[in-house]
């Protein structure tokens, strides 16, 4: 399962999803981390450039391009959550701590 999580420089869950500077995509297989890639997305800088819909489209495009199946975050706004659910993505909120550990736990959790 491909899990996307916002990350800080020290490997923790970034509390900002739609304004994250960096995200990671974890490939979780059989309860272990099979791959980990980090991307400088600059959503923090890009968030207020253009419309909210334009920003949501930017996030959606990134997730589709990378085949993400689940998003893990501390929190996100209701419009973003609705968009991700419409895309068919599973979303886990209320997550904090080590980003790799959180991604593995979310990947093990199965469909939701």
PDB file of N, CA and C in Angstrom:
ATOM      1  N   UNK A   1       0.841  -1.172   0.000  1.00  0.00           N
ATOM      2  CA  UNK A   1       0.000   0.000   0.000  1.00  0.00           C
ATOM      3  C   UNK A   1       0.886   1.236   0.000  1.00  0.00           C
ATOM      4  N   UNK A   2       0.525   2.216  -0.819  1.00  0.00           N
ATOM      5  CA  UNK A   2       1.266   3.475  -0.869  1.00  0.00           C
ATOM      6  C   UNK A   2       0.570   4.500   0.021  1.00  0.00           C
ATOM      7  N   UNK A   3       1.305   4.957   1.029  1.00  0.00           N
ATOM      8  CA  UNK A   3       0.785   5.868   2.045  1.00  0.00           C
ATOM      9  C   UNK A   3       1.539   7.185   1.942  1.00  0.00           C
ATOM     10  N   UNK A   4       0.802   8.293   1.892  1.00  0.00           N
ATOM     11  CA  UNK A   4       1.423   9.615   1.855  1.00  0.00           C
ATOM     12  C   UNK A   4       1.251  10.284   3.205  1.00  0.00           C
ATOM     13  N   UNK A   5       2.324  10.866   3.707  1.00  0.00           N
ATOM     14  CA  UNK A   5       2.329  11.502   5.028  1.00  0.00           C
ATOM     15  C   UNK A   5       3.149  12.797   4.964  1.00  0.00           C
ATOM     16  N   UNK A   6       2.663  13.881   5.579  1.00  0.00           N
ATOM     17  CA  UNK A   6       3.469  15.104   5.634  1.00  0.00           C
ATOM     18  C   UNK A   6       4.585  14.932   6.666  1.00  0.00           C
ATOM     19  N   UNK A   7       5.796  15.332   6.323  1.00  0.00           N
ATOM     20  CA  UNK A   7       6.933  15.099   7.219  1.00  0.00           C
ATOM     21  C   UNK A   7       7.704  16.383   7.507  1.00  0.00           C
ATOM     22  N   UNK A   8       8.290  16.403   8.695  1.00  0.00           N
ATOM     23  CA  UNK A   8       9.188  17.491   9.070  1.00  0.00           C
ATOM     24  C   UNK A   8      10.627  17.049   8.794  1.00  0.00           C
ATOM     25  N   UNK A   9      11.545  17.975   8.935  1.00  0.00           N
ATOM     26  CA  UNK A   9      12.956  17.669   8.702  1.00  0.00           C
ATOM     27  C   UNK A   9      13.528  16.623   9.636  1.00  0.00           C
ATOM     28  N   UNK A  10      12.909  16.464  10.809  1.00  0.00           N
ATOM     29  CA  UNK A  10      13.414  15.471  11.757  1.00  0.00           C
ATOM     30  C   UNK A  10      12.607  14.170  11.749  1.00  0.00           C
ATOM     31  N   UNK A  11      11.803  13.963  10.679  1.00  0.00           N
ATOM     32  CA  UNK A  11      11.122  12.682  10.509  1.00  0.00           C
ATOM     33  C   UNK A  11       9.811  12.518  11.250  1.00  0.00           C
ATOM     34  N   UNK A  12       9.271  13.620  11.762  1.00  0.00           N
ATOM     35  CA  UNK A  12       7.993  13.559  12.468  1.00  0.00           C
ATOM     36  C   UNK A  12       6.848  13.905  11.511  1.00  0.00           C
ATOM     37  N   UNK A  13       5.634  13.591  11.928  1.00  0.00           N
ATOM     38  CA  UNK A  13       4.454  13.996  11.160  1.00  0.00           C
ATOM     39  C   UNK A  13       4.353  15.515  11.238  1.00  0.00           C
ATOM     40  N   UNK A  14       4.299  16.162  10.095  1.00  0.00           N
ATOM     41  CA  UNK A  14       4.066  17.603  10.063  1.00  0.00           C
ATOM     42  C   UNK A  14       2.593  17.826  10.383  1.00  0.00           C
ATOM     43  N   UNK A  15       2.291  18.744  11.262  1.00  0.00           N
ATOM     44  CA  UNK A  15       0.904  18.993  11.652  1.00  0.00           C
ATOM     45  C   UNK A  15       0.098  19.632  10.535  1.00  0.00           C
ATOM     46  N   UNK A  16       0.768  20.092   9.489  1.00  0.00           N
ATOM     47  CA  UNK A  16       0.100  20.754   8.367  1.00  0.00           C
ATOM     48  C   UNK A  16       0.037  19.791   7.180  1.00  0.00           C
ATOM     49  N   UNK A  17      -1.148  19.451   6.733  1.00  0.00           N
ATOM     50  CA  UNK A  17      -1.267  18.624   5.522  1.00  0.00           C
ATOM     51  C   UNK A  17      -1.287  19.514   4.289  1.00  0.00           C
ATOM     52  N   UNK A  18      -2.286  20.356   4.151  1.00  0.00           N
ATOM     53  CA  UNK A  18      -2.414  21.191   2.960  1.00  0.00           C
ATOM     54  C   UNK A  18      -1.366  22.277   2.846  1.00  0.00           C
ATOM     55  N   UNK A  19      -0.655  22.523   3.930  1.00  0.00           N
ATOM     56  CA  UNK A  19       0.419  23.515   3.933  1.00  0.00           C
ATOM     57  C   UNK A  19       1.779  22.870   4.226  1.00  0.00           C
ATOM     58  N   UNK A  20       1.886  21.584   3.991  1.00  0.00           N
ATOM     59  CA  UNK A  20       3.154  20.880   4.229  1.00  0.00           C
ATOM     60  C   UNK A  20       4.206  21.346   3.226  1.00  0.00           C
ATOM     61  N   UNK A  21       5.415  21.466   3.696  1.00  0.00           N
ATOM     62  CA  UNK A  21       6.541  21.781   2.814  1.00  0.00           C
ATOM     63  C   UNK A  21       7.065  20.510   2.150  1.00  0.00           C
ATOM     64  N   UNK A  22       6.928  19.388   2.859  1.00  0.00           N
ATOM     65  CA  UNK A  22       7.513  18.117   2.406  1.00  0.00           C
ATOM     66  C   UNK A  22       6.564  16.985   2.752  1.00  0.00           C
ATOM     67  N   UNK A  23       6.445  16.031   1.857  1.00  0.00           N
ATOM     68  CA  UNK A  23       5.674  14.818   2.134  1.00  0.00           C
ATOM     69  C   UNK A  23       6.523  13.605   1.780  1.00  0.00           C
ATOM     70  N   UNK A  24       6.155  12.491   2.363  1.00  0.00           N
ATOM     71  CA  UNK A  24       6.813  11.221   2.036  1.00  0.00           C
ATOM     72  C   UNK A  24       5.760  10.265   1.525  1.00  0.00           C
ATOM     73  N   UNK A  25       6.178   9.394   0.640  1.00  0.00           N
ATOM     74  CA  UNK A  25       5.336   8.296   0.192  1.00  0.00           C
ATOM     75  C   UNK A  25       6.022   7.019   0.632  1.00  0.00           C
ATOM     76  N   UNK A  26       5.304   6.296   1.475  1.00  0.00           N
ATOM     77  CA  UNK A  26       5.812   5.034   2.008  1.00  0.00           C
ATOM     78  C   UNK A  26       5.149   3.887   1.273  1.00  0.00           C
ATOM     79  N   UNK A  27       5.942   2.927   0.871  1.00  0.00           N
ATOM     80  CA  UNK A  27       5.431   1.677   0.309  1.00  0.00           C
ATOM     81  C   UNK A  27       5.453   0.671   1.454  1.00  0.00           C
ATOM     82  N   UNK A  28       4.259   0.308   1.929  1.00  0.00           N
ATOM     83  CA  UNK A  28       4.142  -0.591   3.068  1.00  0.00           C
ATOM     84  C   UNK A  28       3.661  -1.949   2.566  1.00  0.00           C
ATOM     85  N   UNK A  29       4.429  -2.980   2.868  1.00  0.00           N
ATOM     86  CA  UNK A  29       4.091  -4.333   2.444  1.00  0.00           C
ATOM     87  C   UNK A  29       4.372  -5.307   3.573  1.00  0.00           C
ATOM     88  N   UNK A  30       3.390  -6.123   3.890  1.00  0.00           N
ATOM     89  CA  UNK A  30       3.523  -7.160   4.917  1.00  0.00           C
ATOM     90  C   UNK A  30       4.034  -6.598   6.243  1.00  0.00           C
ATOM     91  N   UNK A  31       3.491  -5.422   6.623  1.00  0.00           N
ATOM     92  CA  UNK A  31       3.830  -4.840   7.911  1.00  0.00           C
ATOM     93  C   UNK A  31       5.205  -4.221   8.001  1.00  0.00           C
ATOM     94  N   UNK A  32       5.841  -3.996   6.856  1.00  0.00           N
ATOM     95  CA  UNK A  32       7.183  -3.410   6.869  1.00  0.00           C
ATOM     96  C   UNK A  32       7.281  -2.318   5.811  1.00  0.00           C
ATOM     97  N   UNK A  33       8.258  -1.483   5.975  1.00  0.00           N
ATOM     98  CA  UNK A  33       8.507  -0.405   5.032  1.00  0.00           C
ATOM     99  C   UNK A  33       9.334  -0.951   3.870  1.00  0.00           C
ATOM    100  N   UNK A  34       8.700  -1.058   2.700  1.00  0.00           N
ATOM    101  CA  UNK A  34       9.399  -1.565   1.515  1.00  0.00           C
ATOM    102  C   UNK A  34      10.045  -0.439   0.715  1.00  0.00           C
ATOM    103  N   UNK A  35       9.613   0.797   0.975  1.00  0.00           N
ATOM    104  CA  UNK A  35      10.181   1.943   0.275  1.00  0.00           C
ATOM    105  C   UNK A  35       9.768   3.230   0.953  1.00  0.00           C
ATOM    106  N   UNK A  36      10.593   4.264   0.793  1.00  0.00           N
ATOM    107  CA  UNK A  36      10.320   5.566   1.400  1.00  0.00           C
ATOM    108  C   UNK A  36      10.924   6.632   0.504  1.00  0.00           C
ATOM    109  N   UNK A  37      10.083   7.495  -0.033  1.00  0.00           N
ATOM    110  CA  UNK A  37      10.559   8.602  -0.872  1.00  0.00           C
ATOM    111  C   UNK A  37      10.009   9.908  -0.318  1.00  0.00           C
ATOM    112  N   UNK A  38      10.859  10.921  -0.218  1.00  0.00           N
ATOM    113  CA  UNK A  38      10.422  12.232   0.259  1.00  0.00           C
ATOM    114  C   UNK A  38      10.452  13.227  -0.894  1.00  0.00           C
ATOM    115  N   UNK A  39       9.479  14.152  -0.863  1.00  0.00           N
ATOM    116  CA  UNK A  39       9.311  15.136  -1.925  1.00  0.00           C
ATOM    117  C   UNK A  39       9.134  16.519  -1.313  1.00  0.00           C
ATOM    118  N   UNK A  40       9.855  17.495  -1.840  1.00  0.00           N
ATOM    119  CA  UNK A  40       9.645  18.893  -1.463  1.00  0.00           C
ATOM    120  C   UNK A  40       8.481  19.401  -2.312  1.00  0.00           C
ATOM    121  N   UNK A  41       7.290  19.469  -1.721  1.00  0.00           N
ATOM    122  CA  UNK A  41       6.099  19.874  -2.467  1.00  0.00           C
ATOM    123  C   UNK A  41       5.815  21.371  -2.354  1.00  0.00           C
ATOM    124  N   UNK A  42       6.339  22.019  -1.334  1.00  0.00           N
ATOM    125  CA  UNK A  42       6.175  23.464  -1.124  1.00  0.00           C
ATOM    126  C   UNK A  42       4.713  23.898  -1.046  1.00  0.00           C
ATOM    127  N   UNK A  43       3.848  23.022  -0.535  1.00  0.00           N
ATOM    128  CA  UNK A  43       2.441  23.400  -0.400  1.00  0.00           C
ATOM    129  C   UNK A  43       2.281  24.547   0.580  1.00  0.00           C
ATOM    130  N   UNK A  44       3.238  24.728   1.484  1.00  0.00           N
ATOM    131  CA  UNK A  44       3.187  25.861   2.411  1.00  0.00           C
ATOM    132  C   UNK A  44       3.291  27.177   1.646  1.00  0.00           C
ATOM    133  N   UNK A  45       4.185  27.252   0.682  1.00  0.00           N
ATOM    134  CA  UNK A  45       4.347  28.462  -0.128  1.00  0.00           C
ATOM    135  C   UNK A  45       3.244  28.607  -1.171  1.00  0.00           C
ATOM    136  N   UNK A  46       2.795  27.493  -1.722  1.00  0.00           N
ATOM    137  CA  UNK A  46       1.828  27.521  -2.822  1.00  0.00           C
ATOM    138  C   UNK A  46       0.377  27.643  -2.370  1.00  0.00           C
ATOM    139  N   UNK A  47       0.108  27.374  -1.098  1.00  0.00           N
ATOM    140  CA  UNK A  47      -1.269  27.314  -0.592  1.00  0.00           C
ATOM    141  C   UNK A  47      -2.088  28.544  -0.947  1.00  0.00           C
ATOM    142  N   UNK A  48      -1.543  29.717  -0.759  1.00  0.00           N
ATOM    143  CA  UNK A  48      -2.303  30.950  -0.965  1.00  0.00           C
ATOM    144  C   UNK A  48      -2.108  31.562  -2.349  1.00  0.00           C
ATOM    145  N   UNK A  49      -1.479  30.821  -3.246  1.00  0.00           N
ATOM    146  CA  UNK A  49      -1.321  31.294  -4.617  1.00  0.00           C
ATOM    147  C   UNK A  49      -2.466  30.732  -5.445  1.00  0.00           C
ATOM    148  N   UNK A  50      -3.383  31.570  -5.827  1.00  0.00           N
ATOM    149  CA  UNK A  50      -4.544  31.123  -6.589  1.00  0.00           C
ATOM    150  C   UNK A  50      -5.680  30.745  -5.663  1.00  0.00           C
ATOM    151  N   UNK A  51      -6.623  30.010  -6.219  1.00  0.00           N
ATOM    152  CA  UNK A  51      -7.831  29.652  -5.478  1.00  0.00           C
ATOM    153  C   UNK A  51      -7.629  28.404  -4.630  1.00  0.00           C
ATOM    154  N   UNK A  52      -8.554  28.205  -3.687  1.00  0.00           N
ATOM    155  CA  UNK A  52      -8.519  26.987  -2.875  1.00  0.00           C
ATOM    156  C   UNK A  52      -8.679  25.759  -3.770  1.00  0.00           C
ATOM    157  N   UNK A  53      -9.590  25.865  -4.748  1.00  0.00           N
ATOM    158  CA  UNK A  53      -9.787  24.752  -5.682  1.00  0.00           C
ATOM    159  C   UNK A  53      -8.530  24.434  -6.471  1.00  0.00           C
ATOM    160  N   UNK A  54      -7.792  25.475  -6.836  1.00  0.00           N
ATOM    161  CA  UNK A  54      -6.540  25.263  -7.557  1.00  0.00           C
ATOM    162  C   UNK A  54      -5.518  24.547  -6.694  1.00  0.00           C
ATOM    163  N   UNK A  55      -5.482  24.893  -5.424  1.00  0.00           N
ATOM    164  CA  UNK A  55      -4.546  24.222  -4.520  1.00  0.00           C
ATOM    165  C   UNK A  55      -4.953  22.764  -4.321  1.00  0.00           C
ATOM    166  N   UNK A  56      -6.235  22.521  -4.137  1.00  0.00           N
ATOM    167  CA  UNK A  56      -6.708  21.146  -3.978  1.00  0.00           C
ATOM    168  C   UNK A  56      -6.380  20.326  -5.221  1.00  0.00           C
ATOM    169  N   UNK A  57      -6.528  20.929  -6.393  1.00  0.00           N
ATOM    170  CA  UNK A  57      -6.189  20.231  -7.640  1.00  0.00           C
ATOM    171  C   UNK A  57      -4.702  19.885  -7.682  1.00  0.00           C
ATOM    172  N   UNK A  58      -3.861  20.778  -7.176  1.00  0.00           N
ATOM    173  CA  UNK A  58      -2.409  20.534  -7.131  1.00  0.00           C
ATOM    174  C   UNK A  58      -2.108  19.313  -6.256  1.00  0.00           C
ATOM    175  N   UNK A  59      -2.749  19.264  -5.082  1.00  0.00           N
ATOM    176  CA  UNK A  59      -2.557  18.136  -4.170  1.00  0.00           C
ATOM    177  C   UNK A  59      -3.063  16.846  -4.817  1.00  0.00           C
ATOM    178  N   UNK A  60      -4.257  16.907  -5.405  1.00  0.00           N
ATOM    179  CA  UNK A  60      -4.839  15.724  -6.053  1.00  0.00           C
ATOM    180  C   UNK A  60      -3.942  15.209  -7.168  1.00  0.00           C
ATOM    181  N   UNK A  61      -3.416  16.106  -7.972  1.00  0.00           N
ATOM    182  CA  UNK A  61      -2.537  15.707  -9.080  1.00  0.00           C
ATOM    183  C   UNK A  61      -1.298  14.974  -8.556  1.00  0.00           C
ATOM    184  N   UNK A  62      -0.687  15.511  -7.500  1.00  0.00           N
ATOM    185  CA  UNK A  62       0.491  14.866  -6.913  1.00  0.00           C
ATOM    186  C   UNK A  62       0.141  13.452  -6.446  1.00  0.00           C
ATOM    187  N   UNK A  63      -0.959  13.310  -5.731  1.00  0.00           N
ATOM    188  CA  UNK A  63      -1.350  12.002  -5.191  1.00  0.00           C
ATOM    189  C   UNK A  63      -1.635  11.007  -6.314  1.00  0.00           C
ATOM    190  N   UNK A  64      -2.339  11.454  -7.350  1.00  0.00           N
ATOM    191  CA  UNK A  64      -2.625  10.560  -8.492  1.00  0.00           C
ATOM    192  C   UNK A  64      -1.341  10.154  -9.206  1.00  0.00           C
ATOM    193  N   UNK A  65      -0.475  11.126  -9.458  1.00  0.00           N
ATOM    194  CA  UNK A  65       0.776  10.839 -10.184  1.00  0.00           C
ATOM    195  C   UNK A  65       1.633   9.808  -9.465  1.00  0.00           C
ATOM    196  N   UNK A  66       1.508   9.733  -8.146  1.00  0.00           N
ATOM    197  CA  UNK A  66       2.335   8.811  -7.370  1.00  0.00           C
ATOM    198  C   UNK A  66       1.586   7.571  -6.901  1.00  0.00           C
ATOM    199  N   UNK A  67       0.346   7.410  -7.327  1.00  0.00           N
ATOM    200  CA  UNK A  67      -0.406   6.196  -7.015  1.00  0.00           C
ATOM    201  C   UNK A  67      -0.749   6.012  -5.551  1.00  0.00           C
ATOM    202  N   UNK A  68      -0.866   7.113  -4.812  1.00  0.00           N
ATOM    203  CA  UNK A  68      -1.149   7.044  -3.376  1.00  0.00           C
ATOM    204  C   UNK A  68      -2.524   6.424  -3.131  1.00  0.00           C
ATOM    205  N   UNK A  69      -2.594   5.549  -2.126  1.00  0.00           N
ATOM    206  CA  UNK A  69      -3.836   4.869  -1.760  1.00  0.00           C
ATOM    207  C   UNK A  69      -4.405   5.360  -0.425  1.00  0.00           C
ATOM    208  N   UNK A  70      -3.537   5.876   0.439  1.00  0.00           N
ATOM    209  CA  UNK A  70      -3.978   6.313   1.766  1.00  0.00           C
ATOM    210  C   UNK A  70      -3.173   7.558   2.157  1.00  0.00           C
ATOM    211  N   UNK A  71      -3.846   8.484   2.820  1.00  0.00           N
ATOM    212  CA  UNK A  71      -3.203   9.683   3.340  1.00  0.00           C
ATOM    213  C   UNK A  71      -3.291   9.630   4.858  1.00  0.00           C
ATOM    214  N   UNK A  72      -2.187   9.926   5.515  1.00  0.00           N
ATOM    215  CA  UNK A  72      -2.106   9.964   6.968  1.00  0.00           C
ATOM    216  C   UNK A  72      -1.727  11.386   7.363  1.00  0.00           C
ATOM    217  N   UNK A  73      -2.486  11.976   8.283  1.00  0.00           N
ATOM    218  CA  UNK A  73      -2.209  13.358   8.689  1.00  0.00           C
ATOM    219  C   UNK A  73      -2.715  13.608  10.098  1.00  0.00           C
ATOM    220  N   UNK A  74      -2.237  14.687  10.674  1.00  0.00           N
ATOM    221  CA  UNK A  74      -2.729  15.110  11.974  1.00  0.00           C
ATOM    222  C   UNK A  74      -4.159  15.615  11.828  1.00  0.00           C
ATOM    223  N   UNK A  75      -4.364  16.523  10.891  1.00  0.00           N
ATOM    224  CA  UNK A  75      -5.701  17.030  10.608  1.00  0.00           C
ATOM    225  C   UNK A  75      -5.707  17.662   9.227  1.00  0.00           C
ATOM    226  N   UNK A  76      -6.904  17.940   8.719  1.00  0.00           N
ATOM    227  CA  UNK A  76      -7.062  18.681   7.467  1.00  0.00           C
ATOM    228  C   UNK A  76      -8.460  19.267   7.456  1.00  0.00           C
ATOM    229  N   UNK A  77      -8.650  20.255   6.628  1.00  0.00           N
ATOM    230  CA  UNK A  77      -9.950  20.900   6.521  1.00  0.00           C
ATOM    231  C   UNK A  77     -10.981  19.981   5.883  1.00  0.00           C
ATOM    232  N   UNK A  78     -12.253  20.271   6.144  1.00  0.00           N
ATOM    233  CA  UNK A  78     -13.316  19.415   5.614  1.00  0.00           C
ATOM    234  C   UNK A  78     -13.368  19.373   4.092  1.00  0.00           C
ATOM    235  N   UNK A  79     -13.029  20.473   3.421  1.00  0.00           N
ATOM    236  CA  UNK A  79     -13.054  20.468   1.959  1.00  0.00           C
ATOM    237  C   UNK A  79     -11.973  19.546   1.388  1.00  0.00           C
ATOM    238  N   UNK A  80     -10.782  19.590   1.984  1.00  0.00           N
ATOM    239  CA  UNK A  80      -9.693  18.709   1.546  1.00  0.00           C
ATOM    240  C   UNK A  80     -10.067  17.256   1.814  1.00  0.00           C
ATOM    241  N   UNK A  81     -10.603  16.988   2.988  1.00  0.00           N
ATOM    242  CA  UNK A  81     -11.014  15.626   3.330  1.00  0.00           C
ATOM    243  C   UNK A  81     -12.053  15.114   2.347  1.00  0.00           C
ATOM    244  N   UNK A  82     -13.020  15.939   2.039  1.00  0.00           N
ATOM    245  CA  UNK A  82     -14.071  15.547   1.090  1.00  0.00           C
ATOM    246  C   UNK A  82     -13.467  15.235  -0.283  1.00  0.00           C
ATOM    247  N   UNK A  83     -12.535  16.071  -0.734  1.00  0.00           N
ATOM    248  CA  UNK A  83     -11.908  15.847  -2.033  1.00  0.00           C
ATOM    249  C   UNK A  83     -11.166  14.508  -2.066  1.00  0.00           C
ATOM    250  N   UNK A  84     -10.389  14.232  -1.014  1.00  0.00           N
ATOM    251  CA  UNK A  84      -9.621  12.982  -0.980  1.00  0.00           C
ATOM    252  C   UNK A  84     -10.553  11.768  -0.955  1.00  0.00           C
ATOM    253  N   UNK A  85     -11.624  11.873  -0.210  1.00  0.00           N
ATOM    254  CA  UNK A  85     -12.590  10.764  -0.166  1.00  0.00           C
ATOM    255  C   UNK A  85     -13.264  10.572  -1.521  1.00  0.00           C
ATOM    256  N   UNK A  86     -13.569  11.683  -2.218  1.00  0.00           N
ATOM    257  CA  UNK A  86     -14.142  11.578  -3.571  1.00  0.00           C
ATOM    258  C   UNK A  86     -13.160  10.908  -4.531  1.00  0.00           C
ATOM    259  N   UNK A  87     -11.878  11.090  -4.281  1.00  0.00           N
ATOM    260  CA  UNK A  87     -10.858  10.442  -5.110  1.00  0.00           C
ATOM    261  C   UNK A  87     -10.750   8.949  -4.798  1.00  0.00           C
ATOM    262  N   UNK A  88     -11.431   8.501  -3.751  1.00  0.00           N
ATOM    263  CA  UNK A  88     -11.367   7.092  -3.366  1.00  0.00           C
ATOM    264  C   UNK A  88     -10.203   6.766  -2.458  1.00  0.00           C
ATOM    265  N   UNK A  89      -9.577   7.795  -1.881  1.00  0.00           N
ATOM    266  CA  UNK A  89      -8.447   7.563  -0.996  1.00  0.00           C
ATOM    267  C   UNK A  89      -8.927   7.356   0.430  1.00  0.00           C
ATOM    268  N   UNK A  90      -8.256   6.500   1.118  1.00  0.00           N
ATOM    269  CA  UNK A  90      -8.492   6.297   2.539  1.00  0.00           C
ATOM    270  C   UNK A  90      -7.700   7.365   3.284  1.00  0.00           C
ATOM    271  N   UNK A  91      -8.310   7.975   4.294  1.00  0.00           N
ATOM    272  CA  UNK A  91      -7.651   9.034   5.054  1.00  0.00           C
ATOM    273  C   UNK A  91      -7.665   8.669   6.528  1.00  0.00           C
ATOM    274  N   UNK A  92      -6.506   8.756   7.168  1.00  0.00           N
ATOM    275  CA  UNK A  92      -6.368   8.529   8.611  1.00  0.00           C
ATOM    276  C   UNK A  92      -5.939   9.842   9.241  1.00  0.00           C
ATOM    277  N   UNK A  93      -6.761  10.381  10.140  1.00  0.00           N
ATOM    278  CA  UNK A  93      -6.451  11.642  10.804  1.00  0.00           C
ATOM    279  C   UNK A  93      -6.140  11.417  12.279  1.00  0.00           C
ATOM    280  N   UNK A  94      -5.633  12.461  12.930  1.00  0.00           N
ATOM    281  CA  UNK A  94      -5.312  12.380  14.350  1.00  0.00           C
ATOM    282  C   UNK A  94      -3.999  11.690  14.620  1.00  0.00           C
ATOM    283  N   UNK A  95      -3.137  11.634  13.620  1.00  0.00           N
ATOM    284  CA  UNK A  95      -1.877  10.912  13.731  1.00  0.00           C
ATOM    285  C   UNK A  95      -0.749  11.897  14.051  1.00  0.00           C
ATOM    286  N   UNK A  96       0.151  11.504  14.931  1.00  0.00           N
ATOM    287  CA  UNK A  96       1.311  12.324  15.261  1.00  0.00           C
ATOM    288  C   UNK A  96       2.492  11.403  15.546  1.00  0.00           C
ATOM    289  N   UNK A  97       3.656  12.003  15.768  1.00  0.00           N
ATOM    290  CA  UNK A  97       4.837  11.215  16.093  1.00  0.00           C
ATOM    291  C   UNK A  97       5.693  10.902  14.887  1.00  0.00           C
ATOM    292  N   UNK A  98       6.412   9.798  14.968  1.00  0.00           N
ATOM    293  CA  UNK A  98       7.348   9.382  13.927  1.00  0.00           C
ATOM    294  C   UNK A  98       6.597   9.046  12.634  1.00  0.00           C
ATOM    295  N   UNK A  99       6.973   9.699  11.550  1.00  0.00           N
ATOM    296  CA  UNK A  99       6.265   9.542  10.279  1.00  0.00           C
ATOM    297  C   UNK A  99       6.375   8.126   9.723  1.00  0.00           C
ATOM    298  N   UNK A 100       7.524   7.514   9.810  1.00  0.00           N
ATOM    299  CA  UNK A 100       7.684   6.155   9.277  1.00  0.00           C
ATOM    300  C   UNK A 100       6.833   5.152  10.060  1.00  0.00           C
ATOM    301  N   UNK A 101       6.842   5.277  11.372  1.00  0.00           N
ATOM    302  CA  UNK A 101       6.027   4.388  12.204  1.00  0.00           C
ATOM    303  C   UNK A 101       4.550   4.561  11.889  1.00  0.00           C
ATOM    304  N   UNK A 102       4.111   5.820  11.724  1.00  0.00           N
ATOM    305  CA  UNK A 102       2.712   6.095  11.409  1.00  0.00           C
ATOM    306  C   UNK A 102       2.325   5.533  10.047  1.00  0.00           C
ATOM    307  N   UNK A 103       3.220   5.649   9.078  1.00  0.00           N
ATOM    308  CA  UNK A 103       2.927   5.125   7.744  1.00  0.00           C
ATOM    309  C   UNK A 103       2.808   3.608   7.762  1.00  0.00           C
ATOM    310  N   UNK A 104       3.675   2.938   8.484  1.00  0.00           N
ATOM    311  CA  UNK A 104       3.613   1.484   8.587  1.00  0.00           C
ATOM    312  C   UNK A 104       2.313   1.065   9.245  1.00  0.00           C
ATOM    313  N   UNK A 105       1.941   1.733  10.337  1.00  0.00           N
ATOM    314  CA  UNK A 105       0.697   1.393  11.045  1.00  0.00           C
ATOM    315  C   UNK A 105      -0.514   1.598  10.133  1.00  0.00           C
ATOM    316  N   UNK A 106      -0.503   2.684   9.364  1.00  0.00           N
ATOM    317  CA  UNK A 106      -1.623   2.953   8.454  1.00  0.00           C
ATOM    318  C   UNK A 106      -1.660   1.935   7.322  1.00  0.00           C
ATOM    319  N   UNK A 107      -0.503   1.518   6.834  1.00  0.00           N
ATOM    320  CA  UNK A 107      -0.457   0.529   5.760  1.00  0.00           C
ATOM    321  C   UNK A 107      -0.878  -0.858   6.211  1.00  0.00           C
ATOM    322  N   UNK A 108      -0.640  -1.157   7.483  1.00  0.00           N
ATOM    323  CA  UNK A 108      -1.031  -2.453   8.045  1.00  0.00           C
ATOM    324  C   UNK A 108      -2.529  -2.527   8.325  1.00  0.00           C
ATOM    325  N   UNK A 109      -3.141  -1.354   8.496  1.00  0.00           N
ATOM    326  CA  UNK A 109      -4.530  -1.295   8.957  1.00  0.00           C
ATOM    327  C   UNK A 109      -5.542  -1.840   7.961  1.00  0.00           C
ATOM    328  N   UNK A 110      -5.127  -2.031   6.732  1.00  0.00           N
ATOM    329  CA  UNK A 110      -6.045  -2.547   5.729  1.00  0.00           C
ATOM    330  C   UNK A 110      -6.986  -1.468   5.236  1.00  0.00           C
ATOM    331  N   UNK A 111      -7.922  -1.829   4.380  1.00  0.00           N
ATOM    332  CA  UNK A 111      -8.819  -0.839   3.803  1.00  0.00           C
ATOM    333  C   UNK A 111      -9.705  -0.184   4.843  1.00  0.00           C
ATOM    334  N   UNK A 112     -10.113   1.040   4.556  1.00  0.00           N
ATOM    335  CA  UNK A 112     -11.077   1.699   5.444  1.00  0.00           C
ATOM    336  C   UNK A 112     -12.052   2.514   4.646  1.00  0.00           C
TER     337      UNK A 112
END
